[in-house]
PDB file of N, CA and C in Angstrom:
ATOM      1  N   MET A   1     -13.564  23.531 -13.921  1.00  0.00           N
ATOM      2  CA  MET A   1     -12.462  23.198 -13.034  1.00  0.00           C
ATOM      3  C   MET A   1     -12.677  21.777 -12.537  1.00  0.00           C
ATOM      4  N   SER A   2     -11.661  20.963 -12.733  1.00  0.00           N
ATOM      5  CA  SER A   2     -11.763  19.585 -12.270  1.00  0.00           C
ATOM      6  C   SER A   2     -10.383  19.044 -11.965  1.00  0.00           C
ATOM      7  N   LEU A   3     -10.397  17.939 -11.270  1.00  0.00           N
ATOM      8  CA  LEU A   3      -9.152  17.303 -10.869  1.00  0.00           C
ATOM      9  C   LEU A   3      -9.288  15.806 -11.126  1.00  0.00           C
ATOM     10  N   SER A   4      -8.246  15.219 -11.689  1.00  0.00           N
ATOM     11  CA  SER A   4      -8.251  13.768 -11.861  1.00  0.00           C
ATOM     12  C   SER A   4      -6.900  13.235 -11.417  1.00  0.00           C
ATOM     13  N   LYS A   5      -6.896  11.989 -10.985  1.00  0.00           N
ATOM     14  CA  LYS A   5      -5.633  11.379 -10.574  1.00  0.00           C
ATOM     15  C   LYS A   5      -5.493  10.047 -11.285  1.00  0.00           C
ATOM     16  N   ASN A   6      -4.242   9.658 -11.487  1.00  0.00           N
ATOM     17  CA  ASN A   6      -3.966   8.453 -12.225  1.00  0.00           C
ATOM     18  C   ASN A   6      -2.650   7.857 -11.723  1.00  0.00           C
ATOM     19  N   ALA A   7      -2.676   6.601 -11.343  1.00  0.00           N
ATOM     20  CA  ALA A   7      -1.450   5.927 -10.911  1.00  0.00           C
ATOM     21  C   ALA A   7      -0.880   5.149 -12.090  1.00  0.00           C
ATOM     22  N   SER A   8       0.434   5.123 -12.203  1.00  0.00           N
ATOM     23  CA  SER A   8       1.062   4.355 -13.277  1.00  0.00           C
ATOM     24  C   SER A   8       0.816   2.867 -13.042  1.00  0.00           C
ATOM     25  N   ALA A   9       1.003   2.078 -14.075  1.00  0.00           N
ATOM     26  CA  ALA A   9       0.738   0.636 -14.000  1.00  0.00           C
ATOM     27  C   ALA A   9       1.550  -0.038 -12.889  1.00  0.00           C
ATOM     28  N   ASP A  10       2.782   0.408 -12.689  1.00  0.00           N
ATOM     29  CA  ASP A  10       3.622  -0.197 -11.647  1.00  0.00           C
ATOM     30  C   ASP A  10       3.405   0.441 -10.274  1.00  0.00           C
ATOM     31  N   GLY A  11       2.560   1.464 -10.205  1.00  0.00           N
ATOM     32  CA  GLY A  11       2.241   2.102  -8.929  1.00  0.00           C
ATOM     33  C   GLY A  11       3.310   3.030  -8.396  1.00  0.00           C
ATOM     34  N   LYS A  12       4.334   3.320  -9.203  1.00  0.00           N
ATOM     35  CA  LYS A  12       5.445   4.144  -8.720  1.00  0.00           C
ATOM     36  C   LYS A  12       5.237   5.641  -8.932  1.00  0.00           C
ATOM     37  N   THR A  13       4.317   5.994  -9.843  1.00  0.00           N
ATOM     38  CA  THR A  13       4.070   7.409 -10.128  1.00  0.00           C
ATOM     39  C   THR A  13       2.590   7.724 -10.012  1.00  0.00           C
ATOM     40  N   LEU A  14       2.283   8.757  -9.242  1.00  0.00           N
ATOM     41  CA  LEU A  14       0.911   9.255  -9.131  1.00  0.00           C
ATOM     42  C   LEU A  14       0.863  10.590  -9.862  1.00  0.00           C
ATOM     43  N   THR A  15      -0.053  10.709 -10.824  1.00  0.00           N
ATOM     44  CA  THR A  15      -0.220  11.957 -11.559  1.00  0.00           C
ATOM     45  C   THR A  15      -1.553  12.588 -11.176  1.00  0.00           C
ATOM     46  N   ILE A  16      -1.488  13.851 -10.779  1.00  0.00           N
ATOM     47  CA  ILE A  16      -2.683  14.620 -10.455  1.00  0.00           C
ATOM     48  C   ILE A  16      -2.807  15.691 -11.528  1.00  0.00           C
ATOM     49  N   GLN A  17      -3.897  15.651 -12.296  1.00  0.00           N
ATOM     50  CA  GLN A  17      -4.083  16.620 -13.369  1.00  0.00           C
ATOM     51  C   GLN A  17      -5.196  17.590 -12.999  1.00  0.00           C
ATOM     52  N   ILE A  18      -4.906  18.876 -13.181  1.00  0.00           N
ATOM     53  CA  ILE A  18      -5.864  19.919 -12.828  1.00  0.00           C
ATOM     54  C   ILE A  18      -6.287  20.647 -14.094  1.00  0.00           C
ATOM     55  N   LYS A  19      -7.596  20.757 -14.286  1.00  0.00           N
ATOM     56  CA  LYS A  19      -8.133  21.436 -15.469  1.00  0.00           C
ATOM     57  C   LYS A  19      -8.871  22.689 -15.032  1.00  0.00           C
ATOM     58  N   GLY A  20      -8.619  23.778 -15.721  1.00  0.00           N
ATOM     59  CA  GLY A  20      -9.302  25.033 -15.408  1.00  0.00           C
ATOM     60  C   GLY A  20      -8.591  25.799 -14.314  1.00  0.00           C
ATOM     61  N   LYS A  21      -9.329  26.135 -13.276  1.00  0.00           N
ATOM     62  CA  LYS A  21      -8.771  26.942 -12.187  1.00  0.00           C
ATOM     63  C   LYS A  21      -8.266  26.067 -11.053  1.00  0.00           C
ATOM     64  N   PHE A  22      -7.060  26.375 -10.596  1.00  0.00           N
ATOM     65  CA  PHE A  22      -6.474  25.713  -9.431  1.00  0.00           C
ATOM     66  C   PHE A  22      -6.606  26.706  -8.287  1.00  0.00           C
ATOM     67  N   ASP A  23      -7.701  26.593  -7.531  1.00  0.00           N
ATOM     68  CA  ASP A  23      -7.963  27.551  -6.465  1.00  0.00           C
ATOM     69  C   ASP A  23      -8.603  26.853  -5.257  1.00  0.00           C
ATOM     70  N   PHE A  24      -9.108  27.649  -4.337  1.00  0.00           N
ATOM     71  CA  PHE A  24      -9.618  27.142  -3.061  1.00  0.00           C
ATOM     72  C   PHE A  24     -10.705  26.081  -3.219  1.00  0.00           C
ATOM     73  N   ASN A  25     -11.442  26.118  -4.310  1.00  0.00           N
ATOM     74  CA  ASN A  25     -12.518  25.148  -4.530  1.00  0.00           C
ATOM     75  C   ASN A  25     -12.008  23.713  -4.655  1.00  0.00           C
ATOM     76  N   LEU A  26     -10.721  23.538  -4.888  1.00  0.00           N
ATOM     77  CA  LEU A  26     -10.158  22.197  -5.064  1.00  0.00           C
ATOM     78  C   LEU A  26      -9.480  21.649  -3.804  1.00  0.00           C
ATOM     79  N   VAL A  27      -9.556  22.359  -2.699  1.00  0.00           N
ATOM     80  CA  VAL A  27      -8.841  21.947  -1.488  1.00  0.00           C
ATOM     81  C   VAL A  27      -9.121  20.488  -1.120  1.00  0.00           C
ATOM     82  N   GLN A  28     -10.377  20.135  -0.966  1.00  0.00           N
ATOM     83  CA  GLN A  28     -10.727  18.773  -0.533  1.00  0.00           C
ATOM     84  C   GLN A  28     -10.310  17.722  -1.540  1.00  0.00           C
ATOM     85  N   SER A  29     -10.648  17.937  -2.819  1.00  0.00           N
ATOM     86  CA  SER A  29     -10.332  16.917  -3.823  1.00  0.00           C
ATOM     87  C   SER A  29      -8.824  16.796  -4.036  1.00  0.00           C
ATOM     88  N   PHE A  30      -8.077  17.910  -3.916  1.00  0.00           N
ATOM     89  CA  PHE A  30      -6.625  17.836  -4.057  1.00  0.00           C
ATOM     90  C   PHE A  30      -6.020  17.033  -2.905  1.00  0.00           C
ATOM     91  N   ARG A  31      -6.501  17.289  -1.697  1.00  0.00           N
ATOM     92  CA  ARG A  31      -6.005  16.563  -0.527  1.00  0.00           C
ATOM     93  C   ARG A  31      -6.297  15.064  -0.656  1.00  0.00           C
ATOM     94  N   GLN A  32      -7.492  14.732  -1.113  1.00  0.00           N
ATOM     95  CA  GLN A  32      -7.867  13.323  -1.286  1.00  0.00           C
ATOM     96  C   GLN A  32      -7.047  12.651  -2.379  1.00  0.00           C
ATOM     97  N   ALA A  33      -6.633  13.422  -3.391  1.00  0.00           N
ATOM     98  CA  ALA A  33      -5.886  12.850  -4.516  1.00  0.00           C
ATOM     99  C   ALA A  33      -4.550  12.245  -4.077  1.00  0.00           C
ATOM    100  N   TYR A  34      -3.883  12.876  -3.103  1.00  0.00           N
ATOM    101  CA  TYR A  34      -2.597  12.328  -2.661  1.00  0.00           C
ATOM    102  C   TYR A  34      -2.686  11.601  -1.316  1.00  0.00           C
ATOM    103  N   ALA A  35      -3.883  11.494  -0.756  1.00  0.00           N
ATOM    104  CA  ALA A  35      -4.055  10.857   0.560  1.00  0.00           C
ATOM    105  C   ALA A  35      -3.688   9.373   0.539  1.00  0.00           C
ATOM    106  N   GLU A  36      -3.838   8.734  -0.610  1.00  0.00           N
ATOM    107  CA  GLU A  36      -3.598   7.296  -0.681  1.00  0.00           C
ATOM    108  C   GLU A  36      -2.195   6.937  -1.154  1.00  0.00           C
ATOM    109  N   VAL A  37      -1.286   7.898  -1.154  1.00  0.00           N
ATOM    110  CA  VAL A  37       0.100   7.608  -1.536  1.00  0.00           C
ATOM    111  C   VAL A  37       0.649   6.572  -0.562  1.00  0.00           C
ATOM    112  N   ASN A  38       1.294   5.548  -1.120  1.00  0.00           N
ATOM    113  CA  ASN A  38       1.821   4.485  -0.267  1.00  0.00           C
ATOM    114  C   ASN A  38       3.322   4.300  -0.465  1.00  0.00           C
ATOM    115  N   ASP A  39       3.863   3.256   0.129  1.00  0.00           N
ATOM    116  CA  ASP A  39       5.308   3.013   0.085  1.00  0.00           C
ATOM    117  C   ASP A  39       5.832   2.770  -1.324  1.00  0.00           C
ATOM    118  N   GLN A  40       4.966   2.294  -2.211  1.00  0.00           N
ATOM    119  CA  GLN A  40       5.399   2.022  -3.581  1.00  0.00           C
ATOM    120  C   GLN A  40       5.564   3.288  -4.409  1.00  0.00           C
ATOM    121  N   THR A  41       4.855   4.342  -4.031  1.00  0.00           N
ATOM    122  CA  THR A  41       4.881   5.581  -4.809  1.00  0.00           C
ATOM    123  C   THR A  41       6.230   6.269  -4.645  1.00  0.00           C
ATOM    124  N   GLU A  42       6.921   6.466  -5.775  1.00  0.00           N
ATOM    125  CA  GLU A  42       8.232   7.122  -5.748  1.00  0.00           C
ATOM    126  C   GLU A  42       8.161   8.569  -6.200  1.00  0.00           C
ATOM    127  N   LYS A  43       7.130   8.885  -7.005  1.00  0.00           N
ATOM    128  CA  LYS A  43       7.065  10.213  -7.596  1.00  0.00           C
ATOM    129  C   LYS A  43       5.611  10.669  -7.705  1.00  0.00           C
ATOM    130  N   VAL A  44       5.388  11.938  -7.395  1.00  0.00           N
ATOM    131  CA  VAL A  44       4.071  12.554  -7.586  1.00  0.00           C
ATOM    132  C   VAL A  44       4.251  13.663  -8.617  1.00  0.00           C
ATOM    133  N   VAL A  45       3.406  13.639  -9.648  1.00  0.00           N
ATOM    134  CA  VAL A  45       3.447  14.652 -10.702  1.00  0.00           C
ATOM    135  C   VAL A  45       2.146  15.446 -10.664  1.00  0.00           C
ATOM    136  N   VAL A  46       2.267  16.767 -10.546  1.00  0.00           N
ATOM    137  CA  VAL A  46       1.099  17.641 -10.642  1.00  0.00           C
ATOM    138  C   VAL A  46       1.136  18.234 -12.049  1.00  0.00           C
ATOM    139  N   ASP A  47       0.217  17.790 -12.886  1.00  0.00           N
ATOM    140  CA  ASP A  47       0.187  18.170 -14.302  1.00  0.00           C
ATOM    141  C   ASP A  47      -0.729  19.385 -14.492  1.00  0.00           C
ATOM    142  N   LEU A  48      -0.122  20.500 -14.924  1.00  0.00           N
ATOM    143  CA  LEU A  48      -0.875  21.750 -15.077  1.00  0.00           C
ATOM    144  C   LEU A  48      -1.110  22.127 -16.536  1.00  0.00           C
ATOM    145  N   ARG A  49      -1.042  21.140 -17.447  1.00  0.00           N
ATOM    146  CA  ARG A  49      -1.173  21.445 -18.883  1.00  0.00           C
ATOM    147  C   ARG A  49      -2.509  22.108 -19.216  1.00  0.00           C
ATOM    148  N   ASP A  50      -3.577  21.769 -18.497  1.00  0.00           N
ATOM    149  CA  ASP A  50      -4.898  22.339 -18.768  1.00  0.00           C
ATOM    150  C   ASP A  50      -5.333  23.346 -17.706  1.00  0.00           C
ATOM    151  N   THR A  51      -4.367  23.843 -16.934  1.00  0.00           N
ATOM    152  CA  THR A  51      -4.666  24.809 -15.872  1.00  0.00           C
ATOM    153  C   THR A  51      -4.431  26.214 -16.407  1.00  0.00           C
ATOM    154  N   ASP A  52      -5.443  27.076 -16.300  1.00  0.00           N
ATOM    155  CA  ASP A  52      -5.276  28.432 -16.822  1.00  0.00           C
ATOM    156  C   ASP A  52      -5.253  29.508 -15.737  1.00  0.00           C
ATOM    157  N   TYR A  53      -5.414  29.093 -14.471  1.00  0.00           N
ATOM    158  CA  TYR A  53      -5.421  30.065 -13.378  1.00  0.00           C
ATOM    159  C   TYR A  53      -4.975  29.374 -12.101  1.00  0.00           C
ATOM    160  N   MET A  54      -4.193  30.105 -11.315  1.00  0.00           N
ATOM    161  CA  MET A  54      -3.701  29.569 -10.043  1.00  0.00           C
ATOM    162  C   MET A  54      -3.628  30.727  -9.055  1.00  0.00           C
ATOM    163  N   ASP A  55      -4.125  30.508  -7.836  1.00  0.00           N
ATOM    164  CA  ASP A  55      -4.046  31.578  -6.839  1.00  0.00           C
ATOM    165  C   ASP A  55      -3.208  31.136  -5.642  1.00  0.00           C
ATOM    166  N   SER A  56      -3.178  31.974  -4.624  1.00  0.00           N
ATOM    167  CA  SER A  56      -2.325  31.685  -3.464  1.00  0.00           C
ATOM    168  C   SER A  56      -2.768  30.428  -2.719  1.00  0.00           C
ATOM    169  N   SER A  57      -4.051  30.102  -2.761  1.00  0.00           N
ATOM    170  CA  SER A  57      -4.484  28.878  -2.079  1.00  0.00           C
ATOM    171  C   SER A  57      -3.917  27.640  -2.789  1.00  0.00           C
ATOM    172  N   ALA A  58      -3.716  27.716  -4.102  1.00  0.00           N
ATOM    173  CA  ALA A  58      -3.091  26.612  -4.837  1.00  0.00           C
ATOM    174  C   ALA A  58      -1.648  26.426  -4.367  1.00  0.00           C
ATOM    175  N   LEU A  59      -0.955  27.535  -4.150  1.00  0.00           N
ATOM    176  CA  LEU A  59       0.420  27.452  -3.647  1.00  0.00           C
ATOM    177  C   LEU A  59       0.429  26.802  -2.262  1.00  0.00           C
ATOM    178  N   GLY A  60      -0.533  27.175  -1.438  1.00  0.00           N
ATOM    179  CA  GLY A  60      -0.651  26.579  -0.106  1.00  0.00           C
ATOM    180  C   GLY A  60      -0.935  25.090  -0.172  1.00  0.00           C
ATOM    181  N   MET A  61      -1.776  24.676  -1.120  1.00  0.00           N
ATOM    182  CA  MET A  61      -2.091  23.249  -1.269  1.00  0.00           C
ATOM    183  C   MET A  61      -0.851  22.460  -1.675  1.00  0.00           C
ATOM    184  N   LEU A  62      -0.044  23.042  -2.562  1.00  0.00           N
ATOM    185  CA  LEU A  62       1.197  22.370  -2.972  1.00  0.00           C
ATOM    186  C   LEU A  62       2.151  22.225  -1.785  1.00  0.00           C
ATOM    187  N   LEU A  63       2.265  23.275  -0.988  1.00  0.00           N
ATOM    188  CA  LEU A  63       3.141  23.206   0.194  1.00  0.00           C
ATOM    189  C   LEU A  63       2.631  22.188   1.209  1.00  0.00           C
ATOM    190  N   ASN A  64       1.317  22.152   1.417  1.00  0.00           N
ATOM    191  CA  ASN A  64       0.746  21.172   2.341  1.00  0.00           C
ATOM    192  C   ASN A  64       1.002  19.750   1.861  1.00  0.00           C
ATOM    193  N   MET A  65       0.901  19.531   0.543  1.00  0.00           N
ATOM    194  CA  MET A  65       1.167  18.208   0.000  1.00  0.00           C
ATOM    195  C   MET A  65       2.621  17.820   0.268  1.00  0.00           C
ATOM    196  N   LYS A  66       3.528  18.748   0.039  1.00  0.00           N
ATOM    197  CA  LYS A  66       4.953  18.463   0.273  1.00  0.00           C
ATOM    198  C   LYS A  66       5.199  18.156   1.747  1.00  0.00           C
ATOM    199  N   LYS A  67       4.578  18.914   2.616  1.00  0.00           N
ATOM    200  CA  LYS A  67       4.736  18.712   4.056  1.00  0.00           C
ATOM    201  C   LYS A  67       4.135  17.371   4.488  1.00  0.00           C
ATOM    202  N   THR A  68       2.966  17.047   3.963  1.00  0.00           N
ATOM    203  CA  THR A  68       2.284  15.803   4.325  1.00  0.00           C
ATOM    204  C   THR A  68       3.050  14.578   3.833  1.00  0.00           C
ATOM    205  N   LEU A  69       3.504  14.639   2.589  1.00  0.00           N
ATOM    206  CA  LEU A  69       4.201  13.480   2.017  1.00  0.00           C
ATOM    207  C   LEU A  69       5.631  13.371   2.540  1.00  0.00           C
ATOM    208  N   GLY A  70       6.220  14.498   2.879  1.00  0.00           N
ATOM    209  CA  GLY A  70       7.568  14.496   3.450  1.00  0.00           C
ATOM    210  C   GLY A  70       8.544  13.690   2.622  1.00  0.00           C
ATOM    211  N   ASP A  71       9.213  12.771   3.264  1.00  0.00           N
ATOM    212  CA  ASP A  71      10.209  11.947   2.588  1.00  0.00           C
ATOM    213  C   ASP A  71       9.635  10.631   2.088  1.00  0.00           C
ATOM    214  N   SER A  72       8.313  10.474   2.151  1.00  0.00           N
ATOM    215  CA  SER A  72       7.724   9.202   1.731  1.00  0.00           C
ATOM    216  C   SER A  72       7.760   9.023   0.215  1.00  0.00           C
ATOM    217  N   VAL A  73       7.920  10.117  -0.546  1.00  0.00           N
ATOM    218  CA  VAL A  73       8.102  10.010  -1.991  1.00  0.00           C
ATOM    219  C   VAL A  73       9.451  10.618  -2.364  1.00  0.00           C
ATOM    220  N   GLY A  74      10.032  10.091  -3.424  1.00  0.00           N
ATOM    221  CA  GLY A  74      11.344  10.571  -3.852  1.00  0.00           C
ATOM    222  C   GLY A  74      11.304  11.988  -4.394  1.00  0.00           C
ATOM    223  N   SER A  75      10.273  12.295  -5.201  1.00  0.00           N
ATOM    224  CA  SER A  75      10.199  13.639  -5.773  1.00  0.00           C
ATOM    225  C   SER A  75       8.763  14.040  -6.055  1.00  0.00           C
ATOM    226  N   ILE A  76       8.567  15.351  -6.053  1.00  0.00           N
ATOM    227  CA  ILE A  76       7.280  15.936  -6.441  1.00  0.00           C
ATOM    228  C   ILE A  76       7.592  16.871  -7.602  1.00  0.00           C
ATOM    229  N   GLN A  77       6.938  16.628  -8.720  1.00  0.00           N
ATOM    230  CA  GLN A  77       7.203  17.398  -9.926  1.00  0.00           C
ATOM    231  C   GLN A  77       5.956  18.163 -10.343  1.00  0.00           C
ATOM    232  N   ILE A  78       6.144  19.426 -10.732  1.00  0.00           N
ATOM    233  CA  ILE A  78       5.063  20.220 -11.290  1.00  0.00           C
ATOM    234  C   ILE A  78       5.374  20.326 -12.779  1.00  0.00           C
ATOM    235  N   SER A  79       4.505  19.763 -13.609  1.00  0.00           N
ATOM    236  CA  SER A  79       4.842  19.675 -15.034  1.00  0.00           C
ATOM    237  C   SER A  79       3.850  20.394 -15.938  1.00  0.00           C
ATOM    238  N   ASN A  80       4.323  20.651 -17.151  1.00  0.00           N
ATOM    239  CA  ASN A  80       3.520  21.258 -18.222  1.00  0.00           C
ATOM    240  C   ASN A  80       2.914  22.602 -17.839  1.00  0.00           C
ATOM    241  N   CYS A  81       3.703  23.434 -17.164  1.00  0.00           N
ATOM    242  CA  CYS A  81       3.223  24.757 -16.747  1.00  0.00           C
ATOM    243  C   CYS A  81       3.141  25.707 -17.940  1.00  0.00           C
ATOM    244  N   ARG A  82       2.073  26.465 -17.989  1.00  0.00           N
ATOM    245  CA  ARG A  82       2.010  27.557 -18.947  1.00  0.00           C
ATOM    246  C   ARG A  82       2.938  28.662 -18.441  1.00  0.00           C
ATOM    247  N   PRO A  83       3.424  29.521 -19.350  1.00  0.00           N
ATOM    248  CA  PRO A  83       4.394  30.554 -18.936  1.00  0.00           C
ATOM    249  C   PRO A  83       3.944  31.404 -17.750  1.00  0.00           C
ATOM    250  N   GLN A  84       2.669  31.816 -17.710  1.00  0.00           N
ATOM    251  CA  GLN A  84       2.220  32.680 -16.606  1.00  0.00           C
ATOM    252  C   GLN A  84       2.207  31.934 -15.274  1.00  0.00           C
ATOM    253  N   LEU A  85       1.902  30.630 -15.306  1.00  0.00           N
ATOM    254  CA  LEU A  85       1.916  29.838 -14.063  1.00  0.00           C
ATOM    255  C   LEU A  85       3.353  29.579 -13.615  1.00  0.00           C
ATOM    256  N   LYS A  86       4.224  29.314 -14.572  1.00  0.00           N
ATOM    257  CA  LYS A  86       5.631  29.083 -14.240  1.00  0.00           C
ATOM    258  C   LYS A  86       6.224  30.324 -13.571  1.00  0.00           C
ATOM    259  N   LYS A  87       5.820  31.489 -14.061  1.00  0.00           N
ATOM    260  CA  LYS A  87       6.311  32.749 -13.481  1.00  0.00           C
ATOM    261  C   LYS A  87       5.855  32.890 -12.031  1.00  0.00           C
ATOM    262  N   ILE A  88       4.590  32.569 -11.758  1.00  0.00           N
ATOM    263  CA  ILE A  88       4.069  32.615 -10.384  1.00  0.00           C
ATOM    264  C   ILE A  88       4.883  31.689  -9.491  1.00  0.00           C
ATOM    265  N   LEU A  89       5.146  30.480  -9.974  1.00  0.00           N
ATOM    266  CA  LEU A  89       5.906  29.499  -9.184  1.00  0.00           C
ATOM    267  C   LEU A  89       7.337  29.969  -8.938  1.00  0.00           C
ATOM    268  N   GLN A  90       7.946  30.586  -9.940  1.00  0.00           N
ATOM    269  CA  GLN A  90       9.324  31.061  -9.773  1.00  0.00           C
ATOM    270  C   GLN A  90       9.393  32.259  -8.831  1.00  0.00           C
ATOM    271  N   ILE A  91       8.452  33.178  -8.951  1.00  0.00           N
ATOM    272  CA  ILE A  91       8.418  34.336  -8.053  1.00  0.00           C
ATOM    273  C   ILE A  91       8.240  33.877  -6.607  1.00  0.00           C
ATOM    274  N   SER A  92       7.442  32.820  -6.424  1.00  0.00           N
ATOM    275  CA  SER A  92       7.189  32.272  -5.088  1.00  0.00           C
ATOM    276  C   SER A  92       8.293  31.336  -4.621  1.00  0.00           C
ATOM    277  N   ARG A  93       9.330  31.184  -5.452  1.00  0.00           N
ATOM    278  CA  ARG A  93      10.511  30.352  -5.150  1.00  0.00           C
ATOM    279  C   ARG A  93      10.165  28.868  -5.015  1.00  0.00           C
ATOM    280  N   PHE A  94       9.119  28.439  -5.685  1.00  0.00           N
ATOM    281  CA  PHE A  94       8.746  27.027  -5.653  1.00  0.00           C
ATOM    282  C   PHE A  94       9.733  26.175  -6.435  1.00  0.00           C
ATOM    283  N   ASP A  95      10.525  26.817  -7.307  1.00  0.00           N
ATOM    284  CA  ASP A  95      11.538  26.064  -8.048  1.00  0.00           C
ATOM    285  C   ASP A  95      12.640  25.539  -7.114  1.00  0.00           C
ATOM    286  N   LYS A  96      12.674  26.048  -5.890  1.00  0.00           N
ATOM    287  CA  LYS A  96      13.638  25.555  -4.888  1.00  0.00           C
ATOM    288  C   LYS A  96      13.079  24.343  -4.128  1.00  0.00           C
ATOM    289  N   LYS A  97      11.759  24.187  -4.135  1.00  0.00           N
ATOM    290  CA  LYS A  97      11.108  23.117  -3.368  1.00  0.00           C
ATOM    291  C   LYS A  97      10.616  21.965  -4.236  1.00  0.00           C
ATOM    292  N   PHE A  98      10.330  22.245  -5.510  1.00  0.00           N
ATOM    293  CA  PHE A  98       9.754  21.254  -6.424  1.00  0.00           C
ATOM    294  C   PHE A  98      10.543  21.195  -7.717  1.00  0.00           C
ATOM    295  N   GLU A  99      10.435  20.091  -8.433  1.00  0.00           N
ATOM    296  CA  GLU A  99      10.952  20.027  -9.800  1.00  0.00           C
ATOM    297  C   GLU A  99       9.873  20.652 -10.678  1.00  0.00           C
ATOM    298  N   ILE A 100      10.237  21.659 -11.469  1.00  0.00           N
ATOM    299  CA  ILE A 100       9.257  22.323 -12.330  1.00  0.00           C
ATOM    300  C   ILE A 100       9.730  22.231 -13.772  1.00  0.00           C
ATOM    301  N   ASP A 101       8.828  21.786 -14.652  1.00  0.00           N
ATOM    302  CA  ASP A 101       9.161  21.801 -16.081  1.00  0.00           C
ATOM    303  C   ASP A 101       8.005  22.326 -16.902  1.00  0.00           C
TER     304      ASP A 101
END
């Protein structure tokens, strides 16, 4: 389980990629990943292509990120979800709060 972050060359998109399990063990590193979002950042992408497990604490971390960033970013996107993770997000109605693909 690991987390990496990457800003686009123009600084407008921050991508946070999670590998393995997205659970309580990532609370601190996930919070730090979006802590440096600034006025230039227009979009935050949480890339779940290599994520094989997600629990309720992951859902809480996503909500906290949305609450913390508020209107300072244009959109927060959850991308590359595996079918089982997408189902969890839809059941939790996260498709109403985030862009999910």
